Amino acid sequence: MKTPRICYVNPPVLLKRPISEIINQLSAKGYKNSLITPKKLFRRIDDSLHHSKLADKSKVYTYSTLKLPFVSSEQPIPVSIAFFRNTCKALKNNNIIHMWVPYYFTNLKIIAWKKFFYPKKKLILTMDTVPGYSFSMGKFWDTMFWIYNKMFGWLIFRTPDIITLYGKSLIPYAIKAGMPKEKIRVLSTGIDIKKQDARIAEKNNSEIRKELGISKNTKVILFAGLLVPRKGIDKIIKIADKLRKEDAVFLLAGDGPDRKEYEAEAKKLGLEKKILFLGWRKDMHKLYQASNIFLLPAEGEGLPGVVMEAMSYGVPCVTSNIPCIPDLIDNGKSGFLCSKDDVNEFARRIKELFNNKKRNDFSRASLQKIKSFEWNKVIKKYEEMYRELYAKKD
């Protein structure tokens, strides 16, 4: 059987890690992939993330967007005819469209075009979370998601041929949101586990600590991701405040619209030397190698790639106990799952991992657990899904 041509739809300006890594894996197997992704007006594609270059082997369709002041910072609005032109090209030239999350204006339009103008094209919708259901975004936004699903559920959930979820724990929330049970499949994302050279790892550790002025014995707690409320950045500041007397520093690798406010809050509390805001980094491997603990006190997540990456480097994780993350972390064995609103528990668990023996035990368990998520195993499941859908007759 011929391999299907697949077009991936990346809705935010920043490229989602699973999309770039799936493209990279399938390109190595001879698949012809393409990518629809937005970019800021008068800018080039944002390649600031360490995984962005993995999608370079695909044909890329771009369109310019603006950030409007009254909508979410993660909701880019198309402002050029390139969106319509390139979307049409992508739909015409590919057999399967695989998109992430239907809560973007661009994705809603693509779903509508598929339904009314390209009904024979196959569509896969991946839900990494079910906002308003698997986690709360506040009363107002939870209500907005409920209304959106009621108004457009017939289109966004009935049009796709398959809806994939990252974990079994999301199934009840997906059904409650209106997704047809018969279309749901659980299909995780994956991770490449690179064999580490101990000498190089120690060299990278030393380089990072020297660059950031961190002493050899200081414990490093790392966060990576968008600096937005959903990621629990305000809680990281509170946790750092509770651990201010400890010989530890918090590194925040990432950026976002609220960064200045977070920096101001840290400074107000006298934590500017305890919390270092690094911005986006392309040397994340070095940061993982320099870190003792990874922290993610998020409100809601899918199957967080940053946790998977940390585990692949043997960094024990302290995270919120929210859907999907328990699929990765065995609580009390390879990491700690904390009540998402309990700052004291996060601080206590981090302090427990200051113990070298416990941290080393957790590190070994993390490396063992993450092996079941290696891409060479997971990508086969994606291939099976694509080939099955390609062969299916209308």
Protein backbone atom coordinates (compact mmCIF):
# COMPACT_ATOMS: atom_id res chain seq x y z
CA MET A 1 0.00 0.00 0.00
CA LYS A 2 1.18 3.50 -0.81
CA THR A 3 1.87 5.76 2.15
CA PRO A 4 -0.76 8.47 2.60
CA ARG A 5 0.10 12.14 2.30
CA ILE A 6 -0.60 13.78 5.65
CA CYS A 7 -1.05 17.45 6.45
CA TYR A 8 -0.62 18.55 10.07
CA VAL A 9 -2.44 21.61 11.37
CA ASN A 10 -0.58 23.50 14.08
CA PRO A 11 -2.96 26.14 15.47
CA PRO A 12 -0.75 28.36 17.70
CA VAL A 13 2.23 30.44 16.56
CA LEU A 14 4.59 28.20 18.55
CA LEU A 15 4.93 24.76 16.98
CA LYS A 16 3.60 21.96 19.15
CA ARG A 17 6.29 19.43 20.03
CA PRO A 18 4.25 16.31 19.10
CA ILE A 19 3.60 17.68 15.61
CA SER A 20 7.25 18.40 14.88
CA GLU A 21 8.35 15.04 16.26
CA ILE A 22 5.72 13.01 14.37
CA ILE A 23 6.71 14.78 11.15
CA ASN A 24 10.37 14.02 11.87
CA GLN A 25 9.68 10.34 12.59
CA LEU A 26 7.52 9.79 9.51
CA SER A 27 9.81 11.75 7.18
CA ALA A 28 12.57 9.29 8.07
CA LYS A 29 10.21 6.51 6.94
CA GLY A 30 9.54 8.10 3.57
CA TYR A 31 6.21 9.81 4.26
CA LYS A 32 5.43 13.03 2.39
CA ASN A 33 4.16 15.41 5.05
CA SER A 34 3.06 19.02 5.05
CA LEU A 35 2.33 21.53 7.79
CA ILE A 36 -0.10 24.43 8.13
CA THR A 37 1.13 26.87 10.75
CA PRO A 38 0.58 30.57 11.53
CA LYS A 39 3.23 33.23 11.91
CA LYS A 40 3.17 36.75 13.29
CA LEU A 41 2.55 39.55 10.80
CA PHE A 42 5.76 40.65 9.04
CA ARG A 43 7.71 37.90 10.83
CA ARG A 44 9.23 34.59 9.83
CA ILE A 45 8.02 31.30 11.29
CA ASP A 46 8.85 31.17 14.99
CA ASP A 47 11.64 28.62 15.37
CA SER A 48 12.62 29.59 18.91
CA LEU A 49 11.74 26.21 20.40
CA HIS A 50 14.38 23.52 20.55
CA HIS A 51 12.26 21.06 18.56
CA SER A 52 11.11 23.48 15.82
CA LYS A 53 13.67 22.40 13.22
CA LEU A 54 12.36 18.82 13.28
CA ALA A 55 9.54 19.83 10.93
CA ASP A 56 11.89 21.25 8.29
CA LYS A 57 11.50 18.18 6.05
CA SER A 58 7.80 18.88 5.52
CA LYS A 59 6.19 21.24 3.03
CA VAL A 60 5.15 24.26 5.07
CA TYR A 61 2.05 26.37 4.41
CA THR A 62 2.04 29.60 6.42
CA TYR A 63 -0.31 32.53 6.94
CA SER A 64 0.10 35.82 8.78
CA THR A 65 -1.78 36.50 12.00
CA LEU A 66 -2.40 39.24 14.53
CA LYS A 67 -2.95 39.06 18.25
CA LEU A 68 -6.12 40.99 19.08
CA PRO A 69 -6.29 42.60 22.54
CA PHE A 70 -9.65 41.10 23.48
CA VAL A 71 -8.83 37.43 22.74
CA SER A 72 -6.50 34.88 24.28
CA SER A 73 -2.78 35.31 23.68
CA GLU A 74 -2.76 31.77 22.28
CA GLN A 75 -5.45 32.59 19.67
CA PRO A 76 -3.82 33.99 16.50
CA ILE A 77 -6.23 35.63 14.04
CA PRO A 78 -5.55 35.20 10.27
CA VAL A 79 -5.11 38.53 8.50
CA SER A 80 -4.01 37.47 5.00
CA ILE A 81 -5.59 35.64 2.07
CA ALA A 82 -2.67 33.19 2.34
CA PHE A 83 -4.69 31.34 4.98
CA PHE A 84 -7.48 30.53 2.52
CA ARG A 85 -5.15 29.87 -0.41
CA ASN A 86 -2.71 27.65 1.48
CA THR A 87 -5.44 25.79 3.35
CA CYS A 88 -7.08 24.93 0.03
CA LYS A 89 -3.75 23.68 -1.31
CA ALA A 90 -3.18 21.57 1.77
CA LEU A 91 -6.64 20.02 1.59
CA LYS A 92 -6.32 19.29 -2.11
CA ASN A 93 -2.82 17.83 -2.00
CA ASN A 94 -3.13 15.51 1.01
CA ASN A 95 -5.13 12.41 1.88
CA ILE A 96 -5.33 12.95 5.63
CA ILE A 97 -5.57 16.12 7.71
CA HIS A 98 -4.40 15.75 11.31
CA MET A 99 -5.15 18.71 13.55
CA TRP A 100 -4.77 19.54 17.22
CA VAL A 101 -7.60 21.12 19.25
CA PRO A 102 -10.77 22.59 17.65
CA TYR A 103 -10.89 25.75 19.79
CA TYR A 104 -8.98 27.94 17.37
CA PHE A 105 -10.77 30.03 14.72
CA THR A 106 -8.49 28.62 12.03
CA ASN A 107 -9.24 25.02 12.97
CA LEU A 108 -12.98 25.64 13.03
CA LYS A 109 -12.77 26.97 9.46
CA ILE A 110 -10.68 24.01 8.27
CA ILE A 111 -13.15 21.55 9.81
CA ALA A 112 -16.01 23.37 8.04
CA TRP A 113 -14.19 23.29 4.69
CA LYS A 114 -13.53 19.59 5.11
CA LYS A 115 -17.19 18.90 5.83
CA PHE A 116 -18.72 21.00 3.07
CA PHE A 117 -16.10 21.15 0.31
CA TYR A 118 -13.74 18.19 0.81
CA PRO A 119 -15.93 15.49 2.38
CA LYS A 120 -13.76 12.64 1.08
CA LYS A 121 -10.66 13.87 2.87
CA LYS A 122 -9.94 12.06 6.11
CA LEU A 123 -9.66 14.12 9.28
CA ILE A 124 -8.09 13.27 12.64
CA LEU A 125 -8.65 15.53 15.63
CA THR A 126 -6.28 15.25 18.57
CA MET A 127 -7.40 16.56 21.95
CA ASP A 128 -4.48 16.98 24.34
CA THR A 129 -6.88 18.31 27.00
CA VAL A 130 -10.61 18.97 27.32
CA PRO A 131 -10.66 22.57 28.61
CA GLY A 132 -13.58 23.40 30.83
CA TYR A 133 -14.03 19.69 31.57
CA SER A 134 -10.72 17.97 32.39
CA PHE A 135 -9.62 21.19 34.08
CA SER A 136 -11.27 24.47 34.97
CA MET A 137 -10.31 27.77 33.38
CA GLY A 138 -12.59 29.74 35.67
CA LYS A 139 -16.36 30.03 35.68
CA PHE A 140 -16.56 32.40 32.70
CA TRP A 141 -14.33 30.40 30.34
CA ASP A 142 -15.77 27.05 31.45
CA THR A 143 -19.17 28.42 30.46
CA MET A 144 -17.79 29.67 27.13
CA PHE A 145 -16.39 26.22 26.30
CA TRP A 146 -19.72 24.64 27.25
CA ILE A 147 -21.56 27.03 24.94
CA TYR A 148 -19.02 26.51 22.14
CA ASN A 149 -19.37 22.73 22.35
CA LYS A 150 -23.16 22.96 22.37
CA MET A 151 -23.19 25.28 19.36
CA PHE A 152 -20.48 23.66 17.24
CA GLY A 153 -20.21 20.10 18.62
CA TRP A 154 -22.15 18.76 15.63
CA LEU A 155 -19.37 20.14 13.43
CA ILE A 156 -16.13 19.88 15.42
CA PHE A 157 -16.77 16.44 16.94
CA ARG A 158 -18.90 14.77 14.25
CA THR A 159 -16.81 15.78 11.22
CA PRO A 160 -13.50 14.08 12.20
CA ASP A 161 -13.16 10.41 11.31
CA ILE A 162 -11.08 9.76 14.47
CA ILE A 163 -10.60 11.70 17.70
CA THR A 164 -7.44 10.82 19.62
CA LEU A 165 -6.80 11.48 23.30
CA TYR A 166 -3.44 11.34 25.05
CA GLY A 167 -4.66 9.24 27.99
CA LYS A 168 -7.53 7.02 29.17
CA SER A 169 -8.24 9.44 32.00
CA LEU A 170 -9.51 11.97 29.42
CA ILE A 171 -12.23 9.69 28.01
CA PRO A 172 -15.05 10.57 30.47
CA TYR A 173 -14.36 14.29 30.01
CA ALA A 174 -14.33 13.92 26.22
CA ILE A 175 -17.68 12.15 26.23
CA LYS A 176 -19.14 14.75 28.58
CA ALA A 177 -17.98 17.48 26.16
CA GLY A 178 -19.92 15.75 23.35
CA MET A 179 -17.34 13.62 21.55
CA PRO A 180 -18.83 10.41 20.09
CA LYS A 181 -17.48 7.44 22.03
CA GLU A 182 -17.13 5.35 18.86
CA LYS A 183 -14.69 7.86 17.35
CA ILE A 184 -12.39 8.08 20.37
CA ARG A 185 -8.99 6.40 20.51
CA VAL A 186 -6.24 6.74 23.09
CA LEU A 187 -2.92 7.47 21.43
CA SER A 188 -0.11 9.07 23.36
CA THR A 189 2.69 11.20 22.06
CA GLY A 190 6.25 9.89 22.29
CA ILE A 191 9.79 10.82 23.21
CA ASP A 192 13.27 10.18 21.82
CA ILE A 193 15.57 8.89 24.53
CA LYS A 194 19.13 9.77 23.74
CA LYS A 195 21.94 7.84 25.36
CA GLN A 196 23.82 10.22 27.60
CA ASP A 197 27.56 10.48 27.84
CA ALA A 198 28.31 11.14 31.52
CA ARG A 199 31.31 13.36 30.71
CA ILE A 200 29.37 15.52 28.27
CA ALA A 201 26.44 15.75 30.67
CA GLU A 202 28.74 16.95 33.45
CA LYS A 203 30.34 19.46 31.07
CA ASN A 204 26.90 20.82 30.11
CA ASN A 205 25.92 20.97 33.78
CA SER A 206 29.02 23.02 34.56
CA GLU A 207 28.46 25.34 31.58
CA ILE A 208 24.88 26.15 32.58
CA ARG A 209 25.78 26.72 36.22
CA LYS A 210 28.66 28.98 35.23
CA GLU A 211 26.48 30.94 32.77
CA LEU A 212 23.76 31.51 35.37
CA GLY A 213 26.01 31.94 38.39
CA ILE A 214 24.78 28.84 40.20
CA SER A 215 27.15 27.06 42.58
CA LYS A 216 27.95 23.38 42.24
CA ASN A 217 25.92 22.25 45.28
CA THR A 218 22.86 24.44 44.76
CA LYS A 219 19.76 22.43 43.86
CA VAL A 220 18.24 23.44 40.52
CA ILE A 221 14.47 23.22 40.04
CA LEU A 222 13.48 23.61 36.38
CA PHE A 223 10.23 24.66 34.71
CA ALA A 224 9.81 24.83 30.92
CA GLY A 225 6.86 26.12 28.94
CA LEU A 226 4.60 29.08 28.36
CA LEU A 227 4.52 31.65 31.14
CA VAL A 228 0.73 31.73 31.46
CA PRO A 229 -1.63 31.15 34.41
CA ARG A 230 -2.60 27.66 33.21
CA LYS A 231 0.99 26.51 33.77
CA GLY A 232 0.92 27.54 37.44
CA ILE A 233 3.63 30.20 37.27
CA ASP A 234 2.09 32.07 40.19
CA LYS A 235 2.39 28.88 42.23
CA ILE A 236 6.05 28.49 41.30
CA ILE A 237 6.70 31.93 42.79
CA LYS A 238 4.86 30.95 45.98
CA ILE A 239 6.76 27.65 46.19
CA ALA A 240 10.07 29.48 45.76
CA ASP A 241 9.00 31.86 48.52
CA LYS A 242 8.41 28.93 50.87
CA LEU A 243 11.82 27.46 49.99
CA ARG A 244 13.71 30.77 50.08
CA LYS A 245 15.97 29.59 52.91
CA GLU A 246 17.03 26.47 51.01
CA ASP A 247 20.12 26.38 48.81
CA ALA A 248 18.02 26.11 45.66
CA VAL A 249 17.24 28.12 42.54
CA PHE A 250 14.25 27.99 40.17
CA LEU A 251 14.86 28.24 36.42
CA LEU A 252 11.92 29.22 34.20
CA ALA A 253 12.68 28.40 30.56
CA GLY A 254 9.94 29.95 28.48
CA ASP A 255 8.10 33.14 27.75
CA GLY A 256 4.61 34.55 27.58
CA PRO A 257 2.47 37.67 27.74
CA ASP A 258 2.54 37.79 31.55
CA ARG A 259 6.29 37.43 31.96
CA LYS A 260 6.88 41.01 33.12
CA GLU A 261 4.16 40.69 35.77
CA TYR A 262 5.70 37.45 37.06
CA GLU A 263 9.16 39.00 37.13
CA ALA A 264 7.78 42.00 39.02
CA GLU A 265 6.09 39.73 41.58
CA ALA A 266 9.29 37.75 42.11
CA LYS A 267 11.24 41.00 42.60
CA LYS A 268 8.61 42.34 44.99
CA LEU A 269 9.13 39.25 47.17
CA GLY A 270 12.91 39.58 46.99
CA LEU A 271 13.22 36.40 44.92
CA GLU A 272 14.99 37.81 41.85
CA LYS A 273 18.08 35.69 42.65
CA LYS A 274 16.01 32.59 43.46
CA ILE A 275 13.85 32.66 40.32
CA LEU A 276 15.64 33.16 37.00
CA PHE A 277 13.55 33.89 33.91
CA LEU A 278 15.50 32.52 30.96
CA GLY A 279 13.16 32.99 28.00
CA TRP A 280 12.99 30.36 25.27
CA ARG A 281 16.10 28.21 25.04
CA LYS A 282 17.39 25.99 22.26
CA ASP A 283 19.79 24.20 24.62
CA MET A 284 17.11 22.50 26.72
CA HIS A 285 19.18 19.32 26.90
CA LYS A 286 21.80 21.25 28.86
CA LEU A 287 19.18 22.65 31.23
CA TYR A 288 17.83 19.18 31.94
CA GLN A 289 21.35 17.93 32.60
CA ALA A 290 21.95 20.80 35.00
CA SER A 291 18.69 20.29 36.89
CA ASN A 292 17.93 18.19 39.96
CA ILE A 293 14.13 18.43 39.87
CA PHE A 294 11.51 19.33 37.27
CA LEU A 295 8.45 21.27 38.46
CA LEU A 296 5.07 21.60 36.72
CA PRO A 297 2.25 22.84 39.01
CA ALA A 298 -0.15 23.23 36.07
CA GLU A 299 -3.92 23.64 36.20
CA GLY A 300 -4.46 21.51 33.12
CA GLU A 301 -2.26 19.58 30.70
CA GLY A 302 -2.34 16.87 28.13
CA LEU A 303 0.61 14.51 28.14
CA PRO A 304 3.23 17.18 28.81
CA GLY A 305 6.27 16.84 26.58
CA VAL A 306 8.42 18.73 29.05
CA VAL A 307 7.73 16.08 31.72
CA MET A 308 8.57 13.35 29.22
CA GLU A 309 11.79 15.13 28.28
CA ALA A 310 12.76 15.58 31.92
CA MET A 311 12.14 11.89 32.62
CA SER A 312 14.23 10.91 29.59
CA TYR A 313 17.15 12.79 31.20
CA GLY A 314 16.48 11.12 34.54
CA VAL A 315 15.18 14.28 36.21
CA PRO A 316 12.54 13.46 38.87
CA CYS A 317 9.33 15.45 38.42
CA VAL A 318 7.02 17.13 40.90
CA THR A 319 3.75 17.88 39.12
CA SER A 320 0.04 18.47 39.56
CA ASN A 321 -2.12 15.38 39.92
CA ILE A 322 -4.29 16.10 36.89
CA PRO A 323 -5.53 13.93 33.97
CA CYS A 324 -2.85 12.26 31.81
CA ILE A 325 0.16 13.02 34.01
CA PRO A 326 -0.44 9.87 36.15
CA ASP A 327 0.04 7.91 32.90
CA LEU A 328 3.65 9.10 33.05
CA ILE A 329 4.50 9.35 36.73
CA ASP A 330 4.16 6.63 39.37
CA ASN A 331 3.51 8.70 42.47
CA GLY A 332 6.16 8.21 45.14
CA LYS A 333 8.30 6.08 42.84
CA SER A 334 9.39 8.05 39.78
CA GLY A 335 8.08 11.43 40.89
CA PHE A 336 5.45 13.14 43.02
CA LEU A 337 1.88 14.02 42.08
CA CYS A 338 0.55 16.89 44.16
CA SER A 339 -2.87 18.42 44.65
CA LYS A 340 -2.75 21.19 42.06
CA ASP A 341 -3.71 23.96 44.50
CA ASP A 342 -1.61 22.83 47.47
CA VAL A 343 1.54 24.96 47.37
CA ASN A 344 2.69 23.50 50.70
CA GLU A 345 2.62 19.97 49.27
CA PHE A 346 4.68 21.01 46.26
CA ALA A 347 7.27 22.65 48.52
CA ARG A 348 7.37 19.61 50.82
CA ARG A 349 7.82 17.14 47.96
CA ILE A 350 10.56 19.23 46.36
CA LYS A 351 12.37 19.34 49.70
CA GLU A 352 12.11 15.54 49.97
CA LEU A 353 13.94 15.26 46.66
CA PHE A 354 16.83 17.31 47.97
CA ASN A 355 17.85 13.97 49.49
CA ASN A 356 20.42 12.58 47.06
CA LYS A 357 19.56 8.89 47.53
CA LYS A 358 15.82 9.38 47.03
CA ARG A 359 16.43 11.59 44.03
CA ASN A 360 18.73 9.00 42.45
CA ASP A 361 16.14 6.25 43.05
CA PHE A 362 13.45 8.38 41.42
CA SER A 363 15.80 9.17 38.55
CA ARG A 364 16.32 5.49 37.73
CA ALA A 365 12.57 4.80 37.97
CA SER A 366 11.82 7.76 35.65
CA LEU A 367 14.20 6.47 33.00
CA GLN A 368 12.66 3.00 33.19
CA LYS A 369 9.08 4.25 32.97
CA ILE A 370 9.60 6.60 30.04
CA LYS A 371 11.01 3.80 27.86
CA SER A 372 7.46 2.62 27.12
CA PHE A 373 6.85 6.01 25.45
CA GLU A 374 9.82 5.90 23.08
CA TRP A 375 8.94 7.10 19.59
CA ASN A 376 10.17 3.92 17.93
CA LYS A 377 7.29 2.15 19.69
CA VAL A 378 4.63 4.88 19.60
CA ILE A 379 5.11 5.91 15.96
CA LYS A 380 4.02 2.44 14.81
CA LYS A 381 0.58 3.11 16.30
CA TYR A 382 0.33 6.38 14.35
CA GLU A 383 1.29 4.58 11.14
CA GLU A 384 -1.37 1.93 11.76
CA MET A 385 -4.00 4.63 12.27
CA TYR A 386 -3.00 6.54 9.12
CA ARG A 387 -2.87 3.44 6.92
CA GLU A 388 -6.19 2.16 8.25
CA LEU A 389 -7.86 5.51 7.59
CA TYR A 390 -6.25 5.82 4.13
CA ALA A 391 -7.52 2.41 3.12
CA LYS A 392 -11.03 3.06 4.41
CA LYS A 393 -13.65 3.64 1.70
CA ASP A 394 -16.36 6.25 2.15
